[in-house]
PDB file of N, CA and C in Angstrom:
ATOM      1  N   UNK A   1     -24.297  17.860   7.266  1.00  0.00           N
ATOM      2  CA  UNK A   1     -23.877  16.916   6.520  1.00  0.00           C
ATOM      3  C   UNK A   1     -23.444  17.121   5.310  1.00  0.00           C
ATOM      4  N   UNK A   2     -23.733  18.097   4.857  1.00  0.00           N
ATOM      5  CA  UNK A   2     -23.352  19.140   3.734  1.00  0.00           C
ATOM      6  C   UNK A   2     -22.090  19.648   3.579  1.00  0.00           C
ATOM      7  N   UNK A   3     -22.459  19.589   5.083  1.00  0.00           N
ATOM      8  CA  UNK A   3     -20.901  20.966   5.351  1.00  0.00           C
ATOM      9  C   UNK A   3     -19.188  19.865   5.824  1.00  0.00           C
ATOM     10  N   UNK A   4     -19.931  18.386   6.514  1.00  0.00           N
ATOM     11  CA  UNK A   4     -18.654  18.378   6.235  1.00  0.00           C
ATOM     12  C   UNK A   4     -18.173  17.509   4.987  1.00  0.00           C
ATOM     13  N   UNK A   5     -18.859  17.062   3.775  1.00  0.00           N
ATOM     14  CA  UNK A   5     -18.359  17.069   2.815  1.00  0.00           C
ATOM     15  C   UNK A   5     -18.156  18.129   2.208  1.00  0.00           C
ATOM     16  N   UNK A   6     -18.306  18.817   2.075  1.00  0.00           N
ATOM     17  CA  UNK A   6     -17.240  20.287   1.942  1.00  0.00           C
ATOM     18  C   UNK A   6     -16.156  20.761   1.963  1.00  0.00           C
ATOM     19  N   UNK A   7     -16.501  20.289   3.647  1.00  0.00           N
ATOM     20  CA  UNK A   7     -15.332  20.158   4.403  1.00  0.00           C
ATOM     21  C   UNK A   7     -14.356  19.442   4.112  1.00  0.00           C
ATOM     22  N   UNK A   8     -14.642  18.096   3.837  1.00  0.00           N
ATOM     23  CA  UNK A   8     -13.382  16.532   2.897  1.00  0.00           C
ATOM     24  C   UNK A   8     -13.141  17.369   1.819  1.00  0.00           C
ATOM     25  N   UNK A   9     -13.643  17.828   1.278  1.00  0.00           N
ATOM     26  CA  UNK A   9     -13.248  17.679  -0.013  1.00  0.00           C
ATOM     27  C   UNK A   9     -12.001  19.244   0.307  1.00  0.00           C
ATOM     28  N   UNK A  10     -12.589  19.891   0.681  1.00  0.00           N
ATOM     29  CA  UNK A  10     -11.624  21.219   1.346  1.00  0.00           C
ATOM     30  C   UNK A  10     -10.226  20.737   1.940  1.00  0.00           C
ATOM     31  N   UNK A  11     -10.702  19.906   2.704  1.00  0.00           N
ATOM     32  CA  UNK A  11      -9.113  19.271   3.325  1.00  0.00           C
ATOM     33  C   UNK A  11      -8.493  18.659   2.267  1.00  0.00           C
ATOM     34  N   UNK A  12      -9.375  17.112   1.034  1.00  0.00           N
ATOM     35  CA  UNK A  12      -8.392  16.519   0.473  1.00  0.00           C
ATOM     36  C   UNK A  12      -7.383  18.048  -0.415  1.00  0.00           C
ATOM     37  N   UNK A  13      -8.834  18.863  -1.040  1.00  0.00           N
ATOM     38  CA  UNK A  13      -7.093  19.929  -1.572  1.00  0.00           C
ATOM     39  C   UNK A  13      -5.887  20.249  -1.004  1.00  0.00           C
ATOM     40  N   UNK A  14      -6.361  20.716   0.422  1.00  0.00           N
ATOM     41  CA  UNK A  14      -4.488  21.289   1.413  1.00  0.00           C
ATOM     42  C   UNK A  14      -4.023  19.508   1.475  1.00  0.00           C
ATOM     43  N   UNK A  15      -4.524  18.071   1.346  1.00  0.00           N
ATOM     44  CA  UNK A  15      -3.930  17.119   1.485  1.00  0.00           C
ATOM     45  C   UNK A  15      -2.824  17.695   0.028  1.00  0.00           C
ATOM     46  N   UNK A  16      -3.573  17.287  -1.043  1.00  0.00           N
ATOM     47  CA  UNK A  16      -3.020  17.566  -2.281  1.00  0.00           C
ATOM     48  C   UNK A  16      -2.046  18.865  -2.621  1.00  0.00           C
ATOM     49  N   UNK A  17      -2.230  19.833  -1.858  1.00  0.00           N
ATOM     50  CA  UNK A  17      -1.138  20.919  -1.837  1.00  0.00           C
ATOM     51  C   UNK A  17      -0.230  20.386  -0.800  1.00  0.00           C
ATOM     52  N   UNK A  18      -0.240  19.972  -0.500  1.00  0.00           N
ATOM     53  CA  UNK A  18       1.292  19.281   0.548  1.00  0.00           C
ATOM     54  C   UNK A  18       2.052  18.391  -0.054  1.00  0.00           C
ATOM     55  N   UNK A  19       1.218  17.740  -0.302  1.00  0.00           N
ATOM     56  CA  UNK A  19       2.242  16.510  -1.540  1.00  0.00           C
ATOM     57  C   UNK A  19       2.663  17.627  -1.856  1.00  0.00           C
ATOM     58  N   UNK A  20       2.289  17.592  -3.674  1.00  0.00           N
ATOM     59  CA  UNK A  20       2.889  18.584  -4.349  1.00  0.00           C
ATOM     60  C   UNK A  20       3.728  19.215  -3.707  1.00  0.00           C
ATOM     61  N   UNK A  21       4.200  20.032  -2.789  1.00  0.00           N
ATOM     62  CA  UNK A  21       4.534  21.084  -2.238  1.00  0.00           C
ATOM     63  C   UNK A  21       6.189  20.513  -1.756  1.00  0.00           C
ATOM     64  N   UNK A  22       5.834  19.466  -1.103  1.00  0.00           N
ATOM     65  CA  UNK A  22       6.816  18.486  -1.332  1.00  0.00           C
ATOM     66  C   UNK A  22       7.532  17.638  -2.057  1.00  0.00           C
ATOM     67  N   UNK A  23       7.248  17.772  -3.322  1.00  0.00           N
ATOM     68  CA  UNK A  23       7.302  17.329  -4.889  1.00  0.00           C
ATOM     69  C   UNK A  23       7.788  16.189  -4.974  1.00  0.00           C
ATOM     70  N   UNK A  24       6.337  15.211  -4.140  1.00  0.00           N
ATOM     71  CA  UNK A  24       6.088  13.631  -4.051  1.00  0.00           C
ATOM     72  C   UNK A  24       5.211  13.288  -4.756  1.00  0.00           C
ATOM     73  N   UNK A  25       4.000  14.407  -6.006  1.00  0.00           N
ATOM     74  CA  UNK A  25       2.629  14.176  -6.123  1.00  0.00           C
ATOM     75  C   UNK A  25       2.593  14.118  -7.574  1.00  0.00           C
ATOM     76  N   UNK A  26       3.668  14.120  -8.388  1.00  0.00           N
ATOM     77  CA  UNK A  26       4.182  13.966  -9.675  1.00  0.00           C
ATOM     78  C   UNK A  26       3.079  12.637 -10.484  1.00  0.00           C
ATOM     79  N   UNK A  27       3.226  12.356 -10.358  1.00  0.00           N
ATOM     80  CA  UNK A  27       2.928  11.115 -10.605  1.00  0.00           C
ATOM     81  C   UNK A  27       1.105  11.061 -10.818  1.00  0.00           C
ATOM     82  N   UNK A  28       1.053  11.962  -9.766  1.00  0.00           N
ATOM     83  CA  UNK A  28      -0.336  12.429 -10.334  1.00  0.00           C
ATOM     84  C   UNK A  28      -1.336  13.241 -10.926  1.00  0.00           C
ATOM     85  N   UNK A  29      -0.389  14.379 -11.555  1.00  0.00           N
ATOM     86  CA  UNK A  29      -0.204  15.183 -12.122  1.00  0.00           C
ATOM     87  C   UNK A  29      -0.736  14.361 -13.483  1.00  0.00           C
ATOM     88  N   UNK A  30      -1.722  14.624 -14.210  1.00  0.00           N
ATOM     89  CA  UNK A  30      -2.611  14.201 -15.639  1.00  0.00           C
ATOM     90  C   UNK A  30      -1.436  14.830 -16.518  1.00  0.00           C
ATOM     91  N   UNK A  31      -0.940  14.155 -17.647  1.00  0.00           N
ATOM     92  CA  UNK A  31      -0.204  15.093 -18.957  1.00  0.00           C
ATOM     93  C   UNK A  31       1.237  14.168 -18.938  1.00  0.00           C
ATOM     94  N   UNK A  32       1.963  15.262 -17.420  1.00  0.00           N
ATOM     95  CA  UNK A  32       2.752  14.751 -16.708  1.00  0.00           C
ATOM     96  C   UNK A  32       3.098  13.136 -16.487  1.00  0.00           C
ATOM     97  N   UNK A  33       2.318  12.376 -15.983  1.00  0.00           N
ATOM     98  CA  UNK A  33       2.452  10.491 -15.536  1.00  0.00           C
ATOM     99  C   UNK A  33       2.789   9.869 -17.052  1.00  0.00           C
ATOM    100  N   UNK A  34       1.840  10.387 -18.187  1.00  0.00           N
ATOM    101  CA  UNK A  34       1.263   9.994 -20.077  1.00  0.00           C
ATOM    102  C   UNK A  34       2.499  10.468 -20.445  1.00  0.00           C
ATOM    103  N   UNK A  35       3.426  11.540 -20.036  1.00  0.00           N
ATOM    104  CA  UNK A  35       4.248  12.344 -20.566  1.00  0.00           C
ATOM    105  C   UNK A  35       5.407  10.513 -20.963  1.00  0.00           C
ATOM    106  N   UNK A  36       5.954  11.215 -22.021  1.00  0.00           N
ATOM    107  CA  UNK A  36       7.371  10.279 -22.717  1.00  0.00           C
ATOM    108  C   UNK A  36       8.255  10.012 -21.554  1.00  0.00           C
ATOM    109  N   UNK A  37       9.584   9.613 -21.859  1.00  0.00           N
ATOM    110  CA  UNK A  37      10.760   9.765 -20.121  1.00  0.00           C
ATOM    111  C   UNK A  37      11.295  11.071 -21.354  1.00  0.00           C
ATOM    112  N   UNK A  38      11.334  10.913 -22.235  1.00  0.00           N
ATOM    113  CA  UNK A  38      12.351  12.012 -23.108  1.00  0.00           C
ATOM    114  C   UNK A  38      11.801  13.404 -21.996  1.00  0.00           C
ATOM    115  N   UNK A  39       9.880  13.287 -22.800  1.00  0.00           N
ATOM    116  CA  UNK A  39       9.899  14.540 -21.983  1.00  0.00           C
ATOM    117  C   UNK A  39       9.385  15.313 -20.821  1.00  0.00           C
ATOM    118  N   UNK A  40       9.869  14.190 -19.911  1.00  0.00           N
ATOM    119  CA  UNK A  40       9.864  13.879 -18.495  1.00  0.00           C
ATOM    120  C   UNK A  40      11.612  14.286 -18.396  1.00  0.00           C
ATOM    121  N   UNK A  41      12.146  14.174 -18.633  1.00  0.00           N
ATOM    122  CA  UNK A  41      13.495  14.753 -18.598  1.00  0.00           C
ATOM    123  C   UNK A  41      13.476  15.966 -18.611  1.00  0.00           C
ATOM    124  N   UNK A  42      13.096  16.827 -19.385  1.00  0.00           N
ATOM    125  CA  UNK A  42      12.697  17.975 -19.958  1.00  0.00           C
ATOM    126  C   UNK A  42      12.081  18.876 -19.484  1.00  0.00           C
ATOM    127  N   UNK A  43      11.509  18.810 -18.261  1.00  0.00           N
ATOM    128  CA  UNK A  43      10.937  19.379 -17.855  1.00  0.00           C
ATOM    129  C   UNK A  43      11.197  19.370 -16.229  1.00  0.00           C
ATOM    130  N   UNK A  44      10.965  20.362 -15.307  1.00  0.00           N
ATOM    131  CA  UNK A  44      11.700  20.548 -13.934  1.00  0.00           C
ATOM    132  C   UNK A  44      10.431  20.116 -13.197  1.00  0.00           C
ATOM    133  N   UNK A  45      10.726  19.059 -12.435  1.00  0.00           N
ATOM    134  CA  UNK A  45       9.598  18.368 -11.341  1.00  0.00           C
ATOM    135  C   UNK A  45       9.082  19.224 -10.544  1.00  0.00           C
ATOM    136  N   UNK A  46      10.221  20.031  -9.422  1.00  0.00           N
ATOM    137  CA  UNK A  46       9.698  21.051  -8.836  1.00  0.00           C
ATOM    138  C   UNK A  46       8.954  22.243  -9.069  1.00  0.00           C
ATOM    139  N   UNK A  47       9.200  22.752  -9.874  1.00  0.00           N
ATOM    140  CA  UNK A  47       8.772  23.478 -10.899  1.00  0.00           C
ATOM    141  C   UNK A  47       7.163  23.824 -11.108  1.00  0.00           C
ATOM    142  N   UNK A  48       6.912  22.305 -11.321  1.00  0.00           N
ATOM    143  CA  UNK A  48       5.536  22.074 -11.524  1.00  0.00           C
ATOM    144  C   UNK A  48       4.697  21.498 -10.405  1.00  0.00           C
ATOM    145  N   UNK A  49       5.014  20.717  -9.636  1.00  0.00           N
ATOM    146  CA  UNK A  49       4.258  20.186  -8.828  1.00  0.00           C
ATOM    147  C   UNK A  49       4.762  21.522  -7.391  1.00  0.00           C
ATOM    148  N   UNK A  50       5.017  23.006  -7.648  1.00  0.00           N
ATOM    149  CA  UNK A  50       5.226  23.958  -6.891  1.00  0.00           C
ATOM    150  C   UNK A  50       3.778  24.247  -7.221  1.00  0.00           C
ATOM    151  N   UNK A  51       3.621  24.993  -8.536  1.00  0.00           N
ATOM    152  CA  UNK A  51       2.303  25.017  -9.493  1.00  0.00           C
ATOM    153  C   UNK A  51       1.687  24.609  -8.579  1.00  0.00           C
ATOM    154  N   UNK A  52       1.475  23.360  -8.894  1.00  0.00           N
ATOM    155  CA  UNK A  52      -0.026  23.116  -8.340  1.00  0.00           C
ATOM    156  C   UNK A  52      -0.396  22.952  -7.061  1.00  0.00           C
ATOM    157  N   UNK A  53       0.268  23.152  -6.674  1.00  0.00           N
ATOM    158  CA  UNK A  53       0.525  23.281  -4.673  1.00  0.00           C
ATOM    159  C   UNK A  53      -0.531  24.698  -4.588  1.00  0.00           C
ATOM    160  N   UNK A  54       0.228  25.190  -5.617  1.00  0.00           N
ATOM    161  CA  UNK A  54      -0.764  26.627  -5.335  1.00  0.00           C
ATOM    162  C   UNK A  54      -1.515  26.464  -5.894  1.00  0.00           C
ATOM    163  N   UNK A  55      -2.117  25.558  -6.928  1.00  0.00           N
ATOM    164  CA  UNK A  55      -3.523  25.767  -6.907  1.00  0.00           C
ATOM    165  C   UNK A  55      -4.186  25.010  -6.777  1.00  0.00           C
ATOM    166  N   UNK A  56      -3.961  24.023  -5.765  1.00  0.00           N
ATOM    167  CA  UNK A  56      -4.756  23.460  -5.107  1.00  0.00           C
ATOM    168  C   UNK A  56      -5.093  23.901  -4.271  1.00  0.00           C
ATOM    169  N   UNK A  57      -4.137  24.807  -3.731  1.00  0.00           N
ATOM    170  CA  UNK A  57      -4.771  25.931  -2.139  1.00  0.00           C
ATOM    171  C   UNK A  57      -6.122  26.149  -2.724  1.00  0.00           C
ATOM    172  N   UNK A  58      -5.643  27.513  -4.035  1.00  0.00           N
ATOM    173  CA  UNK A  58      -6.781  28.220  -4.634  1.00  0.00           C
ATOM    174  C   UNK A  58      -7.926  27.582  -4.735  1.00  0.00           C
ATOM    175  N   UNK A  59      -8.001  26.251  -5.189  1.00  0.00           N
ATOM    176  CA  UNK A  59      -9.265  25.446  -5.446  1.00  0.00           C
ATOM    177  C   UNK A  59      -9.384  25.096  -3.907  1.00  0.00           C
ATOM    178  N   UNK A  60      -9.010  25.026  -3.345  1.00  0.00           N
ATOM    179  CA  UNK A  60      -9.248  24.554  -2.305  1.00  0.00           C
ATOM    180  C   UNK A  60     -10.006  26.304  -1.040  1.00  0.00           C
ATOM    181  N   UNK A  61      -9.521  27.088  -1.355  1.00  0.00           N
ATOM    182  CA  UNK A  61      -9.684  28.129  -0.447  1.00  0.00           C
ATOM    183  C   UNK A  61     -11.253  28.383  -1.824  1.00  0.00           C
ATOM    184  N   UNK A  62     -11.756  28.467  -3.284  1.00  0.00           N
ATOM    185  CA  UNK A  62     -12.941  28.382  -3.706  1.00  0.00           C
ATOM    186  C   UNK A  62     -13.777  27.648  -3.297  1.00  0.00           C
ATOM    187  N   UNK A  63     -13.863  26.524  -2.642  1.00  0.00           N
ATOM    188  CA  UNK A  63     -14.566  25.460  -2.135  1.00  0.00           C
ATOM    189  C   UNK A  63     -14.891  26.304  -1.200  1.00  0.00           C
ATOM    190  N   UNK A  64     -13.570  26.684  -0.282  1.00  0.00           N
ATOM    191  CA  UNK A  64     -14.219  26.908   1.432  1.00  0.00           C
ATOM    192  C   UNK A  64     -15.463  28.299   0.910  1.00  0.00           C
ATOM    193  N   UNK A  65     -15.398  28.546  -0.182  1.00  0.00           N
ATOM    194  CA  UNK A  65     -16.475  29.682  -0.446  1.00  0.00           C
ATOM    195  C   UNK A  65     -17.769  29.093  -0.398  1.00  0.00           C
ATOM    196  N   UNK A  66     -17.570  28.410  -0.842  1.00  0.00           N
ATOM    197  CA  UNK A  66     -18.868  27.080  -1.202  1.00  0.00           C
ATOM    198  C   UNK A  66     -19.297  26.921  -0.019  1.00  0.00           C
ATOM    199  N   UNK A  67     -18.346  26.261   0.760  1.00  0.00           N
ATOM    200  CA  UNK A  67     -18.983  25.946   1.706  1.00  0.00           C
ATOM    201  C   UNK A  67     -19.591  26.028   2.700  1.00  0.00           C
ATOM    202  N   UNK A  68     -18.880  27.881   2.953  1.00  0.00           N
ATOM    203  CA  UNK A  68     -19.954  28.576   3.659  1.00  0.00           C
ATOM    204  C   UNK A  68     -21.007  29.197   3.461  1.00  0.00           C
ATOM    205  N   UNK A  69     -21.152  28.599   2.542  1.00  0.00           N
ATOM    206  CA  UNK A  69     -23.408  28.655   2.396  1.00  0.00           C
ATOM    207  C   UNK A  69     -24.048  27.907   2.980  1.00  0.00           C
ATOM    208  N   UNK A  70     -23.348  26.861   3.543  1.00  0.00           N
ATOM    209  CA  UNK A  70     -24.048  26.131   4.583  1.00  0.00           C
ATOM    210  C   UNK A  70     -23.837  26.816   5.433  1.00  0.00           C
ATOM    211  N   UNK A  71     -23.267  27.533   6.237  1.00  0.00           N
ATOM    212  CA  UNK A  71     -23.203  28.161   7.189  1.00  0.00           C
ATOM    213  C   UNK A  71     -23.669  29.110   7.305  1.00  0.00           C
ATOM    214  N   UNK A  72     -23.582  29.713   6.281  1.00  0.00           N
ATOM    215  CA  UNK A  72     -25.147  31.319   6.367  1.00  0.00           C
ATOM    216  C   UNK A  72     -25.975  30.994   5.698  1.00  0.00           C
ATOM    217  N   UNK A  73     -26.259  30.473   5.484  1.00  0.00           N
ATOM    218  CA  UNK A  73     -27.265  29.819   5.088  1.00  0.00           C
ATOM    219  C   UNK A  73     -27.389  30.664   3.006  1.00  0.00           C
ATOM    220  N   UNK A  74     -26.640  30.424   2.551  1.00  0.00           N
ATOM    221  CA  UNK A  74     -26.670  32.138   1.394  1.00  0.00           C
ATOM    222  C   UNK A  74     -26.509  30.852   0.675  1.00  0.00           C
ATOM    223  N   UNK A  75     -27.449  30.885  -0.929  1.00  0.00           N
ATOM    224  CA  UNK A  75     -26.885  30.514  -2.189  1.00  0.00           C
ATOM    225  C   UNK A  75     -26.018  30.317  -2.875  1.00  0.00           C
ATOM    226  N   UNK A  76     -25.623  32.162  -2.429  1.00  0.00           N
ATOM    227  CA  UNK A  76     -25.283  33.072  -3.724  1.00  0.00           C
ATOM    228  C   UNK A  76     -24.047  32.332  -2.941  1.00  0.00           C
ATOM    229  N   UNK A  77     -23.454  32.040  -1.749  1.00  0.00           N
ATOM    230  CA  UNK A  77     -21.898  32.336  -1.786  1.00  0.00           C
ATOM    231  C   UNK A  77     -21.398  30.832  -2.268  1.00  0.00           C
ATOM    232  N   UNK A  78     -22.052  29.942  -2.623  1.00  0.00           N
ATOM    233  CA  UNK A  78     -22.785  27.878  -3.609  1.00  0.00           C
ATOM    234  C   UNK A  78     -21.640  29.080  -4.462  1.00  0.00           C
ATOM    235  N   UNK A  79     -22.740  29.804  -5.343  1.00  0.00           N
ATOM    236  CA  UNK A  79     -22.416  29.671  -6.254  1.00  0.00           C
ATOM    237  C   UNK A  79     -21.077  30.770  -7.194  1.00  0.00           C
ATOM    238  N   UNK A  80     -21.451  31.499  -5.622  1.00  0.00           N
ATOM    239  CA  UNK A  80     -19.594  32.413  -5.775  1.00  0.00           C
ATOM    240  C   UNK A  80     -18.284  31.191  -5.869  1.00  0.00           C
ATOM    241  N   UNK A  81     -18.527  30.605  -4.817  1.00  0.00           N
ATOM    242  CA  UNK A  81     -17.561  29.482  -4.829  1.00  0.00           C
ATOM    243  C   UNK A  81     -16.702  28.756  -6.106  1.00  0.00           C
ATOM    244  N   UNK A  82     -18.471  27.937  -6.313  1.00  0.00           N
ATOM    245  CA  UNK A  82     -18.345  27.714  -7.575  1.00  0.00           C
ATOM    246  C   UNK A  82     -17.867  28.157  -8.713  1.00  0.00           C
ATOM    247  N   UNK A  83     -18.299  29.128  -9.126  1.00  0.00           N
ATOM    248  CA  UNK A  83     -17.718  29.838  -9.935  1.00  0.00           C
ATOM    249  C   UNK A  83     -16.268  30.611  -9.743  1.00  0.00           C
ATOM    250  N   UNK A  84     -15.944  31.399  -8.960  1.00  0.00           N
ATOM    251  CA  UNK A  84     -14.518  30.503  -8.376  1.00  0.00           C
ATOM    252  C   UNK A  84     -13.059  29.963  -8.630  1.00  0.00           C
ATOM    253  N   UNK A  85     -13.785  28.288  -8.491  1.00  0.00           N
ATOM    254  CA  UNK A  85     -13.118  27.379  -8.377  1.00  0.00           C
ATOM    255  C   UNK A  85     -12.898  27.409 -10.580  1.00  0.00           C
ATOM    256  N   UNK A  86     -14.523  27.579 -10.744  1.00  0.00           N
ATOM    257  CA  UNK A  86     -13.269  27.414 -12.240  1.00  0.00           C
ATOM    258  C   UNK A  86     -12.630  28.184 -13.059  1.00  0.00           C
ATOM    259  N   UNK A  87     -12.924  29.523 -12.601  1.00  0.00           N
ATOM    260  CA  UNK A  87     -12.074  30.823 -13.034  1.00  0.00           C
ATOM    261  C   UNK A  87     -10.505  29.939 -12.984  1.00  0.00           C
ATOM    262  N   UNK A  88     -10.766  29.855 -11.594  1.00  0.00           N
ATOM    263  CA  UNK A  88      -9.353  29.554 -10.730  1.00  0.00           C
ATOM    264  C   UNK A  88      -8.873  28.326 -11.975  1.00  0.00           C
ATOM    265  N   UNK A  89      -9.855  26.771 -12.462  1.00  0.00           N
ATOM    266  CA  UNK A  89      -9.322  25.984 -12.931  1.00  0.00           C
ATOM    267  C   UNK A  89      -8.628  26.454 -14.449  1.00  0.00           C
ATOM    268  N   UNK A  90      -9.806  27.838 -14.715  1.00  0.00           N
ATOM    269  CA  UNK A  90      -9.569  27.763 -15.869  1.00  0.00           C
ATOM    270  C   UNK A  90      -8.101  28.768 -17.093  1.00  0.00           C
ATOM    271  N   UNK A  91      -7.442  29.735 -15.326  1.00  0.00           N
ATOM    272  CA  UNK A  91      -6.198  30.342 -15.509  1.00  0.00           C
ATOM    273  C   UNK A  91      -5.469  29.905 -15.110  1.00  0.00           C
ATOM    274  N   UNK A  92      -5.477  28.508 -14.261  1.00  0.00           N
ATOM    275  CA  UNK A  92      -4.273  27.456 -13.627  1.00  0.00           C
ATOM    276  C   UNK A  92      -4.234  26.852 -15.078  1.00  0.00           C
ATOM    277  N   UNK A  93      -4.854  26.500 -16.255  1.00  0.00           N
ATOM    278  CA  UNK A  93      -4.637  25.326 -17.214  1.00  0.00           C
ATOM    279  C   UNK A  93      -4.091  26.563 -18.715  1.00  0.00           C
ATOM    280  N   UNK A  94      -4.235  27.495 -18.420  1.00  0.00           N
ATOM    281  CA  UNK A  94      -3.785  28.103 -19.550  1.00  0.00           C
ATOM    282  C   UNK A  94      -2.592  28.431 -18.979  1.00  0.00           C
ATOM    283  N   UNK A  95      -2.027  29.726 -17.857  1.00  0.00           N
ATOM    284  CA  UNK A  95      -1.204  29.251 -17.395  1.00  0.00           C
ATOM    285  C   UNK A  95       0.280  27.937 -17.480  1.00  0.00           C
ATOM    286  N   UNK A  96      -0.315  27.160 -17.180  1.00  0.00           N
ATOM    287  CA  UNK A  96       0.396  26.083 -17.291  1.00  0.00           C
ATOM    288  C   UNK A  96       0.497  25.721 -18.945  1.00  0.00           C
ATOM    289  N   UNK A  97      -0.124  26.209 -19.934  1.00  0.00           N
ATOM    290  CA  UNK A  97       0.063  25.626 -20.972  1.00  0.00           C
ATOM    291  C   UNK A  97       0.867  26.304 -21.913  1.00  0.00           C
ATOM    292  N   UNK A  98       1.357  27.246 -20.941  1.00  0.00           N
ATOM    293  CA  UNK A  98       1.810  28.607 -22.022  1.00  0.00           C
ATOM    294  C   UNK A  98       2.766  28.679 -21.288  1.00  0.00           C
ATOM    295  N   UNK A  99       4.020  29.459 -22.318  1.00  0.00           N
ATOM    296  CA  UNK A  99       4.821  30.209 -22.153  1.00  0.00           C
ATOM    297  C   UNK A  99       6.162  29.416 -22.019  1.00  0.00           C
ATOM    298  N   UNK A 100       6.068  28.005 -22.072  1.00  0.00           N
ATOM    299  CA  UNK A 100       7.396  26.490 -21.514  1.00  0.00           C
ATOM    300  C   UNK A 100       7.955  26.951 -19.760  1.00  0.00           C
ATOM    301  N   UNK A 101       7.111  27.072 -19.135  1.00  0.00           N
ATOM    302  CA  UNK A 101       7.369  27.942 -17.637  1.00  0.00           C
ATOM    303  C   UNK A 101       8.006  26.360 -17.196  1.00  0.00           C
ATOM    304  N   UNK A 102       8.088  25.216 -17.183  1.00  0.00           N
ATOM    305  CA  UNK A 102       8.344  24.384 -16.504  1.00  0.00           C
ATOM    306  C   UNK A 102       9.307  23.576 -17.214  1.00  0.00           C
ATOM    307  N   UNK A 103       9.934  24.078 -18.024  1.00  0.00           N
ATOM    308  CA  UNK A 103      11.142  23.465 -19.051  1.00  0.00           C
ATOM    309  C   UNK A 103      11.918  23.949 -18.245  1.00  0.00           C
ATOM    310  N   UNK A 104      13.349  22.460 -17.981  1.00  0.00           N
ATOM    311  CA  UNK A 104      14.609  22.789 -16.947  1.00  0.00           C
ATOM    312  C   UNK A 104      15.069  24.233 -17.475  1.00  0.00           C
ATOM    313  N   UNK A 105      15.960  24.526 -17.073  1.00  0.00           N
ATOM    314  CA  UNK A 105      17.422  26.090 -17.457  1.00  0.00           C
ATOM    315  C   UNK A 105      18.186  24.911 -18.101  1.00  0.00           C
ATOM    316  N   UNK A 106      18.115  25.181 -19.468  1.00  0.00           N
ATOM    317  CA  UNK A 106      19.490  24.783 -19.319  1.00  0.00           C
ATOM    318  C   UNK A 106      20.788  24.608 -19.848  1.00  0.00           C
TER     319      UNK A 106
END
């Protein structure tokens, strides 16, 4: 049963990745959906969505490692997947919030 829950989480991240890849899920991005209209006009929505798509795929991969712990009955894989998940989140936050990467080219 736990394997199905893990696989559902992986599927959820993959579905979100597809939605973001098609540039349809910008309203789901915290910070972007609460930004003022002026800030949104300065943001390249396609770049932001593509980044979020890649982030969701990376998170799905990390969770797949955690899910494999159920198949192989190895708790080490669970902790490795969770650790990778946290590392990807922190790295993604740092990348997204430094360097003005998502500003529109003037």
